[in-house]
Amino acid sequence: MRRTAHASLVVFTHPLHDPASLADYIANHRDTDYGTTDIESIELIRYVRTMTDVQLVRLDMVALR
């Protein structure tokens, strides 16, 4: 069992056309302040890969308010 968690901000469903440019962009914006947000709930999901897509299956949800 994994004992870690993460937040996916982006999920790619196809190979990147220019991965080096994406890596450069991330490196150049590593310290950018994008602000804050209020989160009302979190979900535990599972990624299910199909032949053409990635589907997200919600396993559970927790309301934070």
N, C-alpha and C. Protein backbone atom coordinates (compact mmCIF):
# COMPACT_ATOMS: atom_id res chain seq x y z
N MET A 1 0.84 -1.18 0.00
CA MET A 1 0.00 0.00 0.00
C MET A 1 0.88 1.24 0.00
N ARG A 2 0.52 2.20 -0.80
CA ARG A 2 1.26 3.46 -0.83
C ARG A 2 0.89 4.29 0.38
N ARG A 3 1.86 5.03 0.87
CA ARG A 3 1.62 5.91 2.01
C ARG A 3 1.89 7.36 1.61
N THR A 4 1.70 7.66 0.35
CA THR A 4 1.91 9.02 -0.14
C THR A 4 0.65 9.49 -0.85
N ALA A 5 0.59 10.77 -1.09
CA ALA A 5 -0.51 11.35 -1.85
C ALA A 5 0.04 12.47 -2.71
N HIS A 6 -0.70 12.83 -3.73
CA HIS A 6 -0.30 13.95 -4.57
C HIS A 6 -1.54 14.61 -5.16
N ALA A 7 -1.33 15.78 -5.67
CA ALA A 7 -2.39 16.51 -6.38
C ALA A 7 -1.98 16.63 -7.82
N SER A 8 -2.76 16.09 -8.71
CA SER A 8 -2.48 16.21 -10.14
C SER A 8 -3.13 17.47 -10.68
N LEU A 9 -2.33 18.37 -11.19
CA LEU A 9 -2.86 19.57 -11.79
C LEU A 9 -3.12 19.37 -13.28
N VAL A 10 -2.36 18.46 -13.87
CA VAL A 10 -2.49 18.17 -15.30
C VAL A 10 -2.29 16.67 -15.48
N VAL A 11 -3.12 16.07 -16.31
CA VAL A 11 -2.95 14.66 -16.68
C VAL A 11 -2.91 14.60 -18.20
N PHE A 12 -1.81 14.13 -18.75
CA PHE A 12 -1.67 14.04 -20.20
C PHE A 12 -2.18 12.68 -20.67
N THR A 13 -2.98 12.70 -21.71
CA THR A 13 -3.53 11.45 -22.23
C THR A 13 -2.83 11.00 -23.51
N HIS A 14 -1.95 11.86 -24.02
CA HIS A 14 -1.20 11.53 -25.24
C HIS A 14 0.24 12.00 -25.06
N PRO A 15 1.15 11.44 -25.82
CA PRO A 15 2.55 11.90 -25.72
C PRO A 15 2.66 13.40 -26.03
N LEU A 16 3.58 14.05 -25.35
CA LEU A 16 3.81 15.48 -25.58
C LEU A 16 4.56 15.67 -26.90
N HIS A 17 4.22 16.73 -27.62
CA HIS A 17 4.90 17.04 -28.87
C HIS A 17 6.28 17.61 -28.63
N ASP A 18 6.45 18.35 -27.51
CA ASP A 18 7.72 18.99 -27.22
C ASP A 18 7.97 18.97 -25.71
N PRO A 19 8.33 17.81 -25.16
CA PRO A 19 8.51 17.71 -23.71
C PRO A 19 9.60 18.62 -23.16
N ALA A 20 10.63 18.91 -23.94
CA ALA A 20 11.70 19.79 -23.47
C ALA A 20 11.18 21.20 -23.20
N SER A 21 10.29 21.69 -24.06
CA SER A 21 9.71 23.02 -23.85
C SER A 21 8.85 23.06 -22.59
N LEU A 22 8.11 22.00 -22.33
CA LEU A 22 7.31 21.94 -21.11
C LEU A 22 8.22 21.94 -19.89
N ALA A 23 9.29 21.17 -19.93
CA ALA A 23 10.23 21.13 -18.81
C ALA A 23 10.87 22.50 -18.59
N ASP A 24 11.21 23.19 -19.67
CA ASP A 24 11.76 24.54 -19.55
C ASP A 24 10.75 25.50 -18.94
N TYR A 25 9.51 25.43 -19.38
CA TYR A 25 8.46 26.29 -18.84
C TYR A 25 8.30 26.07 -17.34
N ILE A 26 8.25 24.81 -16.93
CA ILE A 26 8.10 24.49 -15.50
C ILE A 26 9.30 25.02 -14.72
N ALA A 27 10.50 24.82 -15.24
CA ALA A 27 11.70 25.31 -14.54
C ALA A 27 11.68 26.82 -14.41
N ASN A 28 11.23 27.52 -15.46
CA ASN A 28 11.21 28.98 -15.43
C ASN A 28 10.10 29.55 -14.55
N HIS A 29 9.09 28.76 -14.25
CA HIS A 29 7.97 29.24 -13.44
C HIS A 29 7.86 28.52 -12.09
N ARG A 30 8.93 27.89 -11.69
CA ARG A 30 8.92 27.12 -10.44
C ARG A 30 8.52 27.94 -9.22
N ASP A 31 8.92 29.19 -9.19
CA ASP A 31 8.64 30.05 -8.03
C ASP A 31 7.48 31.01 -8.24
N THR A 32 6.70 30.83 -9.28
CA THR A 32 5.57 31.71 -9.57
C THR A 32 4.46 31.50 -8.55
N ASP A 33 3.98 32.59 -7.99
CA ASP A 33 2.87 32.53 -7.04
C ASP A 33 1.57 32.60 -7.83
N TYR A 34 0.83 31.52 -7.83
CA TYR A 34 -0.43 31.46 -8.56
C TYR A 34 -1.63 31.77 -7.66
N GLY A 35 -1.38 32.17 -6.43
CA GLY A 35 -2.46 32.54 -5.53
C GLY A 35 -2.93 31.37 -4.68
N THR A 36 -4.06 31.56 -4.05
CA THR A 36 -4.62 30.54 -3.18
C THR A 36 -6.07 30.28 -3.57
N THR A 37 -6.61 29.23 -3.03
CA THR A 37 -8.01 28.89 -3.28
C THR A 37 -8.59 28.24 -2.04
N ASP A 38 -9.88 28.31 -1.90
CA ASP A 38 -10.58 27.61 -0.83
C ASP A 38 -11.12 26.31 -1.40
N ILE A 39 -10.78 25.22 -0.76
CA ILE A 39 -11.21 23.91 -1.23
C ILE A 39 -12.37 23.43 -0.37
N GLU A 40 -13.45 23.07 -1.01
CA GLU A 40 -14.64 22.63 -0.30
C GLU A 40 -14.70 21.11 -0.14
N SER A 41 -13.99 20.39 -1.00
CA SER A 41 -13.98 18.92 -0.89
C SER A 41 -12.75 18.36 -1.56
N ILE A 42 -12.41 17.15 -1.21
CA ILE A 42 -11.34 16.41 -1.88
C ILE A 42 -11.89 15.06 -2.29
N GLU A 43 -11.31 14.51 -3.36
CA GLU A 43 -11.75 13.22 -3.85
C GLU A 43 -10.58 12.26 -3.94
N LEU A 44 -10.84 11.01 -3.64
CA LEU A 44 -9.89 9.93 -3.87
C LEU A 44 -10.30 9.30 -5.19
N ILE A 45 -9.40 9.33 -6.16
CA ILE A 45 -9.75 8.81 -7.47
C ILE A 45 -8.77 7.73 -7.90
N ARG A 46 -9.19 6.99 -8.90
CA ARG A 46 -8.33 5.98 -9.51
C ARG A 46 -8.30 6.27 -11.00
N TYR A 47 -7.11 6.21 -11.58
CA TYR A 47 -6.97 6.39 -13.02
C TYR A 47 -7.23 5.05 -13.71
N VAL A 48 -8.09 5.04 -14.70
CA VAL A 48 -8.36 3.84 -15.50
C VAL A 48 -8.00 4.17 -16.94
N ARG A 49 -6.98 3.54 -17.44
CA ARG A 49 -6.55 3.79 -18.82
C ARG A 49 -7.38 2.94 -19.78
N THR A 50 -7.81 3.59 -20.85
CA THR A 50 -8.48 2.88 -21.93
C THR A 50 -7.54 2.93 -23.13
N MET A 51 -7.99 2.44 -24.26
CA MET A 51 -7.14 2.47 -25.46
C MET A 51 -6.90 3.91 -25.94
N THR A 52 -7.79 4.83 -25.62
CA THR A 52 -7.67 6.19 -26.16
C THR A 52 -7.71 7.29 -25.10
N ASP A 53 -7.89 6.95 -23.84
CA ASP A 53 -8.15 7.99 -22.85
C ASP A 53 -7.75 7.51 -21.47
N VAL A 54 -7.83 8.42 -20.53
CA VAL A 54 -7.69 8.08 -19.11
C VAL A 54 -8.97 8.52 -18.43
N GLN A 55 -9.65 7.59 -17.81
CA GLN A 55 -10.88 7.91 -17.09
C GLN A 55 -10.57 7.99 -15.61
N LEU A 56 -11.22 8.93 -14.94
CA LEU A 56 -11.07 9.07 -13.50
C LEU A 56 -12.28 8.47 -12.83
N VAL A 57 -12.05 7.51 -11.95
CA VAL A 57 -13.14 6.85 -11.21
C VAL A 57 -13.07 7.34 -9.77
N ARG A 58 -14.12 8.00 -9.32
CA ARG A 58 -14.15 8.51 -7.94
C ARG A 58 -14.41 7.36 -6.98
N LEU A 59 -13.49 7.18 -6.04
CA LEU A 59 -13.63 6.14 -5.04
C LEU A 59 -14.32 6.67 -3.78
N ASP A 60 -14.05 7.93 -3.46
CA ASP A 60 -14.69 8.54 -2.29
C ASP A 60 -14.51 10.05 -2.37
N MET A 61 -15.31 10.77 -1.58
CA MET A 61 -15.24 12.21 -1.52
C MET A 61 -15.42 12.63 -0.07
N VAL A 62 -14.65 13.65 0.34
CA VAL A 62 -14.75 14.17 1.69
C VAL A 62 -15.05 15.66 1.61
N ALA A 63 -16.14 16.08 2.22
CA ALA A 63 -16.48 17.50 2.29
C ALA A 63 -15.65 18.15 3.39
N LEU A 64 -15.05 19.28 3.11
CA LEU A 64 -14.20 19.96 4.08
C LEU A 64 -14.93 21.09 4.78
N ARG A 65 -16.14 21.38 4.37
CA ARG A 65 -16.94 22.46 4.99
C ARG A 65 -18.27 21.94 5.41
